PDB file of N, CA and C in Angstrom:
ATOM      1  N   UNK A   1       0.751  -1.620   0.001  1.00  0.00           N
ATOM      2  CA  UNK A   1      -0.347  -0.335   0.003  1.00  0.00           C
ATOM      3  C   UNK A   1       0.937   0.979   0.268  1.00  0.00           C
ATOM      4  N   UNK A   2       0.492   2.047  -0.772  1.00  0.00           N
ATOM      5  CA  UNK A   2       1.478   3.716  -0.511  1.00  0.00           C
ATOM      6  C   UNK A   2       0.980   4.929   0.818  1.00  0.00           C
ATOM      7  N   UNK A   3       1.676   5.515   0.080  1.00  0.00           N
ATOM      8  CA  UNK A   3       1.676   7.046   1.182  1.00  0.00           C
ATOM      9  C   UNK A   3       0.416   7.390   1.318  1.00  0.00           C
ATOM     10  N   UNK A   4      -0.414   8.056   1.998  1.00  0.00           N
ATOM     11  CA  UNK A   4      -0.691   9.195   1.891  1.00  0.00           C
ATOM     12  C   UNK A   4      -0.770  10.367   2.465  1.00  0.00           C
ATOM     13  N   UNK A   5      -0.726  11.159   1.434  1.00  0.00           N
ATOM     14  CA  UNK A   5      -0.138  12.547   1.193  1.00  0.00           C
ATOM     15  C   UNK A   5      -1.204  13.479   1.801  1.00  0.00           C
ATOM     16  N   UNK A   6      -1.371  14.125   2.978  1.00  0.00           N
ATOM     17  CA  UNK A   6      -1.856  14.649   3.568  1.00  0.00           C
ATOM     18  C   UNK A   6      -1.384  16.116   3.011  1.00  0.00           C
ATOM     19  N   UNK A   7      -2.217  16.876   2.844  1.00  0.00           N
ATOM     20  CA  UNK A   7      -2.430  18.483   2.523  1.00  0.00           C
ATOM     21  C   UNK A   7      -3.456  19.634   3.362  1.00  0.00           C
ATOM     22  N   UNK A   8      -3.367  20.589   2.724  1.00  0.00           N
ATOM     23  CA  UNK A   8      -4.412  21.302   3.491  1.00  0.00           C
ATOM     24  C   UNK A   8      -5.851  21.198   2.646  1.00  0.00           C
ATOM     25  N   UNK A   9      -6.217  20.878   0.958  1.00  0.00           N
ATOM     26  CA  UNK A   9      -7.090  20.228   0.949  1.00  0.00           C
ATOM     27  C   UNK A   9      -8.031  19.129   1.812  1.00  0.00           C
ATOM     28  N   UNK A  10      -7.065  18.206   2.485  1.00  0.00           N
ATOM     29  CA  UNK A  10      -7.366  16.907   1.935  1.00  0.00           C
ATOM     30  C   UNK A  10      -7.960  16.871   4.380  1.00  0.00           C
ATOM     31  N   UNK A  11      -6.223  17.705   4.737  1.00  0.00           N
ATOM     32  CA  UNK A  11      -6.591  17.632   6.202  1.00  0.00           C
ATOM     33  C   UNK A  11      -7.954  17.351   6.984  1.00  0.00           C
ATOM     34  N   UNK A  12      -9.043  17.978   6.571  1.00  0.00           N
ATOM     35  CA  UNK A  12      -9.820  17.302   7.634  1.00  0.00           C
ATOM     36  C   UNK A  12     -10.749  16.304   7.347  1.00  0.00           C
ATOM     37  N   UNK A  13     -10.801  15.819   7.050  1.00  0.00           N
ATOM     38  CA  UNK A  13     -10.770  14.538   6.529  1.00  0.00           C
ATOM     39  C   UNK A  13     -10.417  13.271   7.783  1.00  0.00           C
ATOM     40  N   UNK A  14      -8.687  14.176   8.252  1.00  0.00           N
ATOM     41  CA  UNK A  14      -7.933  13.157   8.885  1.00  0.00           C
ATOM     42  C   UNK A  14      -8.499  13.299  10.365  1.00  0.00           C
ATOM     43  N   UNK A  15      -9.296  14.665  10.475  1.00  0.00           N
ATOM     44  CA  UNK A  15      -8.939  15.417  12.578  1.00  0.00           C
ATOM     45  C   UNK A  15      -9.481  15.148  13.128  1.00  0.00           C
ATOM     46  N   UNK A  16      -9.538  13.930  13.972  1.00  0.00           N
ATOM     47  CA  UNK A  16     -10.999  13.760  15.298  1.00  0.00           C
ATOM     48  C   UNK A  16     -11.833  14.021  14.975  1.00  0.00           C
ATOM     49  N   UNK A  17     -13.322  13.224  15.654  1.00  0.00           N
ATOM     50  CA  UNK A  17     -13.921  14.279  15.146  1.00  0.00           C
ATOM     51  C   UNK A  17     -14.427  15.949  16.757  1.00  0.00           C
ATOM     52  N   UNK A  18     -13.673  15.349  17.504  1.00  0.00           N
ATOM     53  CA  UNK A  18     -13.712  16.021  18.902  1.00  0.00           C
ATOM     54  C   UNK A  18     -12.752  17.017  18.063  1.00  0.00           C
ATOM     55  N   UNK A  19     -11.853  17.566  17.176  1.00  0.00           N
ATOM     56  CA  UNK A  19     -11.209  18.416  16.643  1.00  0.00           C
ATOM     57  C   UNK A  19      -9.295  18.966  17.224  1.00  0.00           C
ATOM     58  N   UNK A  20      -9.590  17.744  18.434  1.00  0.00           N
ATOM     59  CA  UNK A  20      -8.140  18.439  18.743  1.00  0.00           C
ATOM     60  C   UNK A  20      -7.379  17.604  18.467  1.00  0.00           C
ATOM     61  N   UNK A  21      -6.986  16.881  17.808  1.00  0.00           N
ATOM     62  CA  UNK A  21      -5.872  15.423  17.243  1.00  0.00           C
ATOM     63  C   UNK A  21      -6.461  15.122  16.300  1.00  0.00           C
ATOM     64  N   UNK A  22      -4.837  14.807  15.677  1.00  0.00           N
ATOM     65  CA  UNK A  22      -4.895  14.303  14.102  1.00  0.00           C
ATOM     66  C   UNK A  22      -4.247  13.470  14.471  1.00  0.00           C
ATOM     67  N   UNK A  23      -4.653  11.908  14.227  1.00  0.00           N
ATOM     68  CA  UNK A  23      -3.952  10.459  14.204  1.00  0.00           C
ATOM     69  C   UNK A  23      -2.754   9.830  13.136  1.00  0.00           C
ATOM     70  N   UNK A  24      -1.777   9.992  13.116  1.00  0.00           N
ATOM     71  CA  UNK A  24      -0.441  10.239  11.798  1.00  0.00           C
ATOM     72  C   UNK A  24       0.093   8.827  12.032  1.00  0.00           C
ATOM     73  N   UNK A  25      -0.439   7.964  10.955  1.00  0.00           N
ATOM     74  CA  UNK A  25       0.862   6.718  11.266  1.00  0.00           C
ATOM     75  C   UNK A  25       2.118   6.864  10.203  1.00  0.00           C
ATOM     76  N   UNK A  26       2.905   5.890  10.133  1.00  0.00           N
ATOM     77  CA  UNK A  26       4.170   5.277   8.705  1.00  0.00           C
ATOM     78  C   UNK A  26       3.301   5.608   7.506  1.00  0.00           C
ATOM     79  N   UNK A  27       2.407   5.431   7.935  1.00  0.00           N
ATOM     80  CA  UNK A  27       2.067   5.125   6.244  1.00  0.00           C
ATOM     81  C   UNK A  27       1.593   6.588   5.654  1.00  0.00           C
ATOM     82  N   UNK A  28       1.538   7.927   6.084  1.00  0.00           N
ATOM     83  CA  UNK A  28       1.201   9.559   5.805  1.00  0.00           C
ATOM     84  C   UNK A  28       1.852  10.189   6.333  1.00  0.00           C
ATOM     85  N   UNK A  29       2.283  11.113   4.975  1.00  0.00           N
ATOM     86  CA  UNK A  29       2.758  12.429   4.864  1.00  0.00           C
ATOM     87  C   UNK A  29       1.868  13.542   5.266  1.00  0.00           C
ATOM     88  N   UNK A  30       2.180  14.002   6.106  1.00  0.00           N
ATOM     89  CA  UNK A  30       2.140  15.673   6.109  1.00  0.00           C
ATOM     90  C   UNK A  30       2.916  16.578   5.081  1.00  0.00           C
ATOM     91  N   UNK A  31       1.989  17.300   4.718  1.00  0.00           N
ATOM     92  CA  UNK A  31       2.848  18.971   3.693  1.00  0.00           C
ATOM     93  C   UNK A  31       2.550  20.207   5.201  1.00  0.00           C
ATOM     94  N   UNK A  32       3.625  21.384   4.393  1.00  0.00           N
ATOM     95  CA  UNK A  32       3.589  22.165   5.019  1.00  0.00           C
ATOM     96  C   UNK A  32       2.129  23.235   5.548  1.00  0.00           C
ATOM     97  N   UNK A  33       1.781  22.495   4.753  1.00  0.00           N
ATOM     98  CA  UNK A  33       0.483  23.334   4.413  1.00  0.00           C
ATOM     99  C   UNK A  33      -0.179  22.505   5.646  1.00  0.00           C
ATOM    100  N   UNK A  34      -0.076  21.353   5.657  1.00  0.00           N
ATOM    101  CA  UNK A  34      -1.820  21.083   6.219  1.00  0.00           C
ATOM    102  C   UNK A  34      -0.907  20.877   8.296  1.00  0.00           C
ATOM    103  N   UNK A  35       0.324  21.179   8.169  1.00  0.00           N
ATOM    104  CA  UNK A  35       1.164  21.343   9.611  1.00  0.00           C
ATOM    105  C   UNK A  35       0.439  22.590   9.825  1.00  0.00           C
ATOM    106  N   UNK A  36       0.839  23.731   8.665  1.00  0.00           N
ATOM    107  CA  UNK A  36       0.141  25.452   9.356  1.00  0.00           C
ATOM    108  C   UNK A  36      -1.136  25.120  10.204  1.00  0.00           C
ATOM    109  N   UNK A  37      -2.063  24.328   8.657  1.00  0.00           N
ATOM    110  CA  UNK A  37      -3.544  24.302   9.159  1.00  0.00           C
ATOM    111  C   UNK A  37      -3.559  23.660  11.593  1.00  0.00           C
ATOM    112  N   UNK A  38      -2.866  22.301  11.247  1.00  0.00           N
ATOM    113  CA  UNK A  38      -3.081  21.484  12.133  1.00  0.00           C
ATOM    114  C   UNK A  38      -2.692  22.959  13.677  1.00  0.00           C
ATOM    115  N   UNK A  39      -1.159  23.835  13.128  1.00  0.00           N
ATOM    116  CA  UNK A  39      -0.617  24.020  15.309  1.00  0.00           C
ATOM    117  C   UNK A  39      -1.461  25.062  14.281  1.00  0.00           C
ATOM    118  N   UNK A  40      -1.786  26.002  13.262  1.00  0.00           N
ATOM    119  CA  UNK A  40      -2.606  27.660  13.727  1.00  0.00           C
ATOM    120  C   UNK A  40      -4.028  27.072  14.347  1.00  0.00           C
ATOM    121  N   UNK A  41      -4.905  26.299  14.592  1.00  0.00           N
ATOM    122  CA  UNK A  41      -5.133  25.310  15.175  1.00  0.00           C
ATOM    123  C   UNK A  41      -5.623  24.779  16.465  1.00  0.00           C
ATOM    124  N   UNK A  42      -4.294  24.836  16.194  1.00  0.00           N
ATOM    125  CA  UNK A  42      -3.999  23.552  18.009  1.00  0.00           C
ATOM    126  C   UNK A  42      -4.456  22.894  18.290  1.00  0.00           C
ATOM    127  N   UNK A  43      -4.420  21.543  17.285  1.00  0.00           N
ATOM    128  CA  UNK A  43      -4.640  20.405  16.932  1.00  0.00           C
ATOM    129  C   UNK A  43      -3.442  19.703  17.053  1.00  0.00           C
ATOM    130  N   UNK A  44      -3.510  18.688  18.319  1.00  0.00           N
ATOM    131  CA  UNK A  44      -3.035  17.892  18.425  1.00  0.00           C
ATOM    132  C   UNK A  44      -2.175  16.497  17.417  1.00  0.00           C
ATOM    133  N   UNK A  45      -1.295  16.471  16.987  1.00  0.00           N
ATOM    134  CA  UNK A  45      -0.751  14.993  16.578  1.00  0.00           C
ATOM    135  C   UNK A  45      -0.803  13.852  16.703  1.00  0.00           C
ATOM    136  N   UNK A  46      -1.270  12.936  16.558  1.00  0.00           N
ATOM    137  CA  UNK A  46      -1.290  11.809  17.419  1.00  0.00           C
ATOM    138  C   UNK A  46      -0.631  10.390  16.584  1.00  0.00           C
ATOM    139  N   UNK A  47       0.837  10.468  17.247  1.00  0.00           N
ATOM    140  CA  UNK A  47       1.204   9.429  16.247  1.00  0.00           C
ATOM    141  C   UNK A  47       1.129   7.431  16.024  1.00  0.00           C
ATOM    142  N   UNK A  48       1.044   6.738  15.482  1.00  0.00           N
ATOM    143  CA  UNK A  48       0.964   6.063  15.570  1.00  0.00           C
ATOM    144  C   UNK A  48      -0.957   5.239  16.399  1.00  0.00           C
ATOM    145  N   UNK A  49      -1.868   5.929  16.194  1.00  0.00           N
ATOM    146  CA  UNK A  49      -3.181   5.653  15.900  1.00  0.00           C
ATOM    147  C   UNK A  49      -3.973   4.731  17.149  1.00  0.00           C
ATOM    148  N   UNK A  50      -3.197   3.236  16.371  1.00  0.00           N
ATOM    149  CA  UNK A  50      -3.711   2.009  17.767  1.00  0.00           C
ATOM    150  C   UNK A  50      -3.069   1.876  19.420  1.00  0.00           C
ATOM    151  N   UNK A  51      -1.473   2.589  19.706  1.00  0.00           N
ATOM    152  CA  UNK A  51      -1.414   2.666  20.262  1.00  0.00           C
ATOM    153  C   UNK A  51      -2.064   4.143  21.545  1.00  0.00           C
ATOM    154  N   UNK A  52      -1.923   5.030  20.893  1.00  0.00           N
ATOM    155  CA  UNK A  52      -2.777   6.030  21.438  1.00  0.00           C
ATOM    156  C   UNK A  52      -4.380   5.615  21.374  1.00  0.00           C
ATOM    157  N   UNK A  53      -4.698   5.072  20.767  1.00  0.00           N
ATOM    158  CA  UNK A  53      -6.958   5.230  21.410  1.00  0.00           C
ATOM    159  C   UNK A  53      -6.544   4.247  22.664  1.00  0.00           C
ATOM    160  N   UNK A  54      -5.533   3.074  22.783  1.00  0.00           N
ATOM    161  CA  UNK A  54      -5.663   2.698  24.263  1.00  0.00           C
ATOM    162  C   UNK A  54      -5.320   3.124  25.267  1.00  0.00           C
ATOM    163  N   UNK A  55      -4.667   4.359  25.482  1.00  0.00           N
ATOM    164  CA  UNK A  55      -4.245   5.071  26.237  1.00  0.00           C
ATOM    165  C   UNK A  55      -4.779   6.081  26.297  1.00  0.00           C
ATOM    166  N   UNK A  56      -5.932   6.960  24.873  1.00  0.00           N
ATOM    167  CA  UNK A  56      -5.793   8.146  24.988  1.00  0.00           C
ATOM    168  C   UNK A  56      -6.663   8.920  26.064  1.00  0.00           C
ATOM    169  N   UNK A  57      -7.713   8.012  27.294  1.00  0.00           N
ATOM    170  CA  UNK A  57      -8.037   8.776  27.698  1.00  0.00           C
ATOM    171  C   UNK A  57      -7.427   9.026  29.437  1.00  0.00           C
ATOM    172  N   UNK A  58      -5.615   8.393  29.613  1.00  0.00           N
ATOM    173  CA  UNK A  58      -4.948   8.252  30.621  1.00  0.00           C
ATOM    174  C   UNK A  58      -3.888   9.367  30.308  1.00  0.00           C
ATOM    175  N   UNK A  59      -3.681   9.398  29.332  1.00  0.00           N
ATOM    176  CA  UNK A  59      -2.901  10.922  28.133  1.00  0.00           C
ATOM    177  C   UNK A  59      -3.295  11.790  27.523  1.00  0.00           C
ATOM    178  N   UNK A  60      -2.851  13.456  28.413  1.00  0.00           N
ATOM    179  CA  UNK A  60      -3.156  14.402  27.203  1.00  0.00           C
ATOM    180  C   UNK A  60      -1.944  14.974  27.712  1.00  0.00           C
ATOM    181  N   UNK A  61      -1.770  15.793  25.623  1.00  0.00           N
ATOM    182  CA  UNK A  61      -1.406  16.241  24.792  1.00  0.00           C
ATOM    183  C   UNK A  61      -0.420  18.186  26.277  1.00  0.00           C
ATOM    184  N   UNK A  62       1.030  18.191  26.167  1.00  0.00           N
ATOM    185  CA  UNK A  62       0.232  19.844  26.629  1.00  0.00           C
ATOM    186  C   UNK A  62      -0.467  20.393  25.963  1.00  0.00           C
ATOM    187  N   UNK A  63      -0.399  20.007  24.963  1.00  0.00           N
ATOM    188  CA  UNK A  63      -1.970  21.569  23.625  1.00  0.00           C
ATOM    189  C   UNK A  63      -3.431  21.098  24.799  1.00  0.00           C
ATOM    190  N   UNK A  64      -3.514  20.114  25.002  1.00  0.00           N
ATOM    191  CA  UNK A  64      -5.101  19.639  25.311  1.00  0.00           C
ATOM    192  C   UNK A  64      -4.718  20.017  26.556  1.00  0.00           C
ATOM    193  N   UNK A  65      -3.763  20.024  27.636  1.00  0.00           N
ATOM    194  CA  UNK A  65      -3.933  20.558  29.165  1.00  0.00           C
ATOM    195  C   UNK A  65      -3.688  22.324  29.336  1.00  0.00           C
ATOM    196  N   UNK A  66      -3.343  22.618  28.451  1.00  0.00           N
ATOM    197  CA  UNK A  66      -3.146  23.946  28.162  1.00  0.00           C
ATOM    198  C   UNK A  66      -4.765  24.876  27.577  1.00  0.00           C
ATOM    199  N   UNK A  67      -5.301  23.832  26.677  1.00  0.00           N
ATOM    200  CA  UNK A  67      -6.023  24.392  26.419  1.00  0.00           C
ATOM    201  C   UNK A  67      -7.638  24.489  27.364  1.00  0.00           C
ATOM    202  N   UNK A  68      -7.490  23.012  27.849  1.00  0.00           N
ATOM    203  CA  UNK A  68      -8.372  22.644  29.144  1.00  0.00           C
ATOM    204  C   UNK A  68      -8.109  23.909  30.747  1.00  0.00           C
ATOM    205  N   UNK A  69      -7.054  23.965  30.827  1.00  0.00           N
ATOM    206  CA  UNK A  69      -7.188  25.404  31.245  1.00  0.00           C
ATOM    207  C   UNK A  69      -7.861  26.549  30.813  1.00  0.00           C
ATOM    208  N   UNK A  70      -7.215  27.163  29.629  1.00  0.00           N
ATOM    209  CA  UNK A  70      -7.795  28.391  29.288  1.00  0.00           C
ATOM    210  C   UNK A  70      -9.259  29.091  29.009  1.00  0.00           C
ATOM    211  N   UNK A  71      -9.408  27.399  28.871  1.00  0.00           N
ATOM    212  CA  UNK A  71     -11.402  27.544  28.420  1.00  0.00           C
ATOM    213  C   UNK A  71     -11.729  27.480  30.421  1.00  0.00           C
ATOM    214  N   UNK A  72     -10.679  26.381  31.614  1.00  0.00           N
ATOM    215  CA  UNK A  72     -11.525  26.632  32.354  1.00  0.00           C
ATOM    216  C   UNK A  72     -11.086  28.206  32.903  1.00  0.00           C
ATOM    217  N   UNK A  73     -10.170  29.035  32.747  1.00  0.00           N
ATOM    218  CA  UNK A  73     -10.498  30.689  33.407  1.00  0.00           C
ATOM    219  C   UNK A  73     -10.542  30.986  32.115  1.00  0.00           C
ATOM    220  N   UNK A  74     -11.382  31.331  31.169  1.00  0.00           N
ATOM    221  CA  UNK A  74     -12.013  32.068  30.598  1.00  0.00           C
ATOM    222  C   UNK A  74     -13.142  32.044  31.145  1.00  0.00           C
ATOM    223  N   UNK A  75     -13.656  30.640  30.932  1.00  0.00           N
ATOM    224  CA  UNK A  75     -14.909  30.327  31.759  1.00  0.00           C
ATOM    225  C   UNK A  75     -15.749  31.021  33.288  1.00  0.00           C
ATOM    226  N   UNK A  76     -15.127  30.512  33.941  1.00  0.00           N
ATOM    227  CA  UNK A  76     -14.843  31.204  35.602  1.00  0.00           C
ATOM    228  C   UNK A  76     -13.962  32.202  35.596  1.00  0.00           C
ATOM    229  N   UNK A  77     -12.606  32.979  35.172  1.00  0.00           N
ATOM    230  CA  UNK A  77     -12.444  33.607  35.621  1.00  0.00           C
ATOM    231  C   UNK A  77     -13.308  35.291  34.924  1.00  0.00           C
ATOM    232  N   UNK A  78     -13.518  34.836  33.830  1.00  0.00           N
ATOM    233  CA  UNK A  78     -13.664  36.436  33.721  1.00  0.00           C
ATOM    234  C   UNK A  78     -14.929  35.410  32.280  1.00  0.00           C
ATOM    235  N   UNK A  79     -15.607  34.813  32.759  1.00  0.00           N
ATOM    236  CA  UNK A  79     -17.353  34.909  32.144  1.00  0.00           C
ATOM    237  C   UNK A  79     -17.347  34.415  31.109  1.00  0.00           C
ATOM    238  N   UNK A  80     -16.279  34.581  29.876  1.00  0.00           N
ATOM    239  CA  UNK A  80     -16.676  34.183  28.826  1.00  0.00           C
ATOM    240  C   UNK A  80     -17.211  32.702  28.041  1.00  0.00           C
ATOM    241  N   UNK A  81     -18.160  32.273  28.242  1.00  0.00           N
ATOM    242  CA  UNK A  81     -19.312  31.325  27.855  1.00  0.00           C
ATOM    243  C   UNK A  81     -19.379  31.133  26.931  1.00  0.00           C
ATOM    244  N   UNK A  82     -19.249  32.032  25.873  1.00  0.00           N
ATOM    245  CA  UNK A  82     -19.439  32.164  24.257  1.00  0.00           C
ATOM    246  C   UNK A  82     -18.514  31.149  23.345  1.00  0.00           C
ATOM    247  N   UNK A  83     -19.072  29.378  23.262  1.00  0.00           N
ATOM    248  CA  UNK A  83     -18.159  28.281  22.458  1.00  0.00           C
ATOM    249  C   UNK A  83     -17.333  28.689  21.260  1.00  0.00           C
ATOM    250  N   UNK A  84     -17.730  30.037  20.128  1.00  0.00           N
ATOM    251  CA  UNK A  84     -16.767  30.497  19.087  1.00  0.00           C
ATOM    252  C   UNK A  84     -16.183  31.606  19.667  1.00  0.00           C
ATOM    253  N   UNK A  85     -15.848  31.830  20.457  1.00  0.00           N
ATOM    254  CA  UNK A  85     -15.208  33.490  21.755  1.00  0.00           C
ATOM    255  C   UNK A  85     -14.202  32.356  21.639  1.00  0.00           C
ATOM    256  N   UNK A  86     -14.774  31.463  22.837  1.00  0.00           N
ATOM    257  CA  UNK A  86     -13.359  30.709  23.589  1.00  0.00           C
ATOM    258  C   UNK A  86     -12.166  29.620  22.735  1.00  0.00           C
ATOM    259  N   UNK A  87     -12.700  29.335  21.881  1.00  0.00           N
ATOM    260  CA  UNK A  87     -12.479  28.512  20.690  1.00  0.00           C
ATOM    261  C   UNK A  87     -11.406  29.423  20.160  1.00  0.00           C
ATOM    262  N   UNK A  88     -11.786  31.108  19.344  1.00  0.00           N
ATOM    263  CA  UNK A  88     -10.840  31.360  18.902  1.00  0.00           C
ATOM    264  C   UNK A  88      -9.208  32.347  20.118  1.00  0.00           C
ATOM    265  N   UNK A  89      -9.668  32.730  21.216  1.00  0.00           N
ATOM    266  CA  UNK A  89      -8.348  32.906  22.192  1.00  0.00           C
ATOM    267  C   UNK A  89      -8.449  31.743  22.509  1.00  0.00           C
ATOM    268  N   UNK A  90      -8.774  30.045  22.648  1.00  0.00           N
ATOM    269  CA  UNK A  90      -7.778  30.058  22.929  1.00  0.00           C
ATOM    270  C   UNK A  90      -6.782  29.116  21.454  1.00  0.00           C
ATOM    271  N   UNK A  91      -6.724  29.289  20.423  1.00  0.00           N
ATOM    272  CA  UNK A  91      -6.399  29.421  18.970  1.00  0.00           C
ATOM    273  C   UNK A  91      -5.348  30.488  19.000  1.00  0.00           C
ATOM    274  N   UNK A  92      -5.556  31.561  19.458  1.00  0.00           N
ATOM    275  CA  UNK A  92      -5.074  32.605  19.483  1.00  0.00           C
ATOM    276  C   UNK A  92      -3.641  32.638  20.114  1.00  0.00           C
ATOM    277  N   UNK A  93      -4.197  32.101  21.405  1.00  0.00           N
ATOM    278  CA  UNK A  93      -2.700  31.768  22.282  1.00  0.00           C
ATOM    279  C   UNK A  93      -2.196  30.676  22.229  1.00  0.00           C
ATOM    280  N   UNK A  94      -2.289  29.723  21.709  1.00  0.00           N
ATOM    281  CA  UNK A  94      -1.783  28.621  21.108  1.00  0.00           C
ATOM    282  C   UNK A  94      -0.413  28.899  20.099  1.00  0.00           C
ATOM    283  N   UNK A  95      -1.392  29.907  19.385  1.00  0.00           N
ATOM    284  CA  UNK A  95      -1.028  30.546  18.213  1.00  0.00           C
ATOM    285  C   UNK A  95       0.571  31.349  18.400  1.00  0.00           C
ATOM    286  N   UNK A  96       0.300  32.066  19.161  1.00  0.00           N
ATOM    287  CA  UNK A  96       1.311  32.867  19.981  1.00  0.00           C
ATOM    288  C   UNK A  96       2.587  32.352  20.901  1.00  0.00           C
ATOM    289  N   UNK A  97       2.364  30.819  21.799  1.00  0.00           N
ATOM    290  CA  UNK A  97       2.969  29.798  22.031  1.00  0.00           C
ATOM    291  C   UNK A  97       3.608  29.411  21.025  1.00  0.00           C
ATOM    292  N   UNK A  98       3.445  28.637  20.174  1.00  0.00           N
ATOM    293  CA  UNK A  98       3.827  28.221  19.615  1.00  0.00           C
ATOM    294  C   UNK A  98       4.913  29.075  18.597  1.00  0.00           C
ATOM    295  N   UNK A  99       4.549  30.424  18.355  1.00  0.00           N
ATOM    296  CA  UNK A  99       5.834  30.561  17.631  1.00  0.00           C
ATOM    297  C   UNK A  99       7.032  31.354  18.794  1.00  0.00           C
ATOM    298  N   UNK A 100       7.030  31.040  19.869  1.00  0.00           N
ATOM    299  CA  UNK A 100       8.173  31.486  20.659  1.00  0.00           C
ATOM    300  C   UNK A 100       8.398  30.216  21.051  1.00  0.00           C
ATOM    301  N   UNK A 101       8.033  29.341  20.146  1.00  0.00           N
ATOM    302  CA  UNK A 101       9.651  27.616  20.057  1.00  0.00           C
ATOM    303  C   UNK A 101      10.388  27.842  19.525  1.00  0.00           C
TER     304      UNK A 101
END
C-alpha cells in the first residue's frame, strides 16, 4: 500500500471528531500546508493510532492541558461562555505559544 499525502485540501478528513487531534501513522506524509493548519488550530498530532486509542483517556498532550486550563479560566474568571469566542481565544493563545518555540 502506498503512502497517504495529507495536504491543506484533504486534512479535514483526518482530524478527529473532537477537532483536537489528528492521528498519523507511518503511511502518512504531512505537507507544510497541512502542518500549518494543524498548528494554527492547536491540534495535537498523535502518531500510531492503535497505541494512542488504548491510552487516550490516560494521557493528555501539553496542548490539551493548556487548552483545558484556558477554557476553565475564560469561563470561570472572565465569564466568557460563547463557545466560538472561547475557541478563538484559545487558538490565538496557542499560536502565540507556538511562535515562541
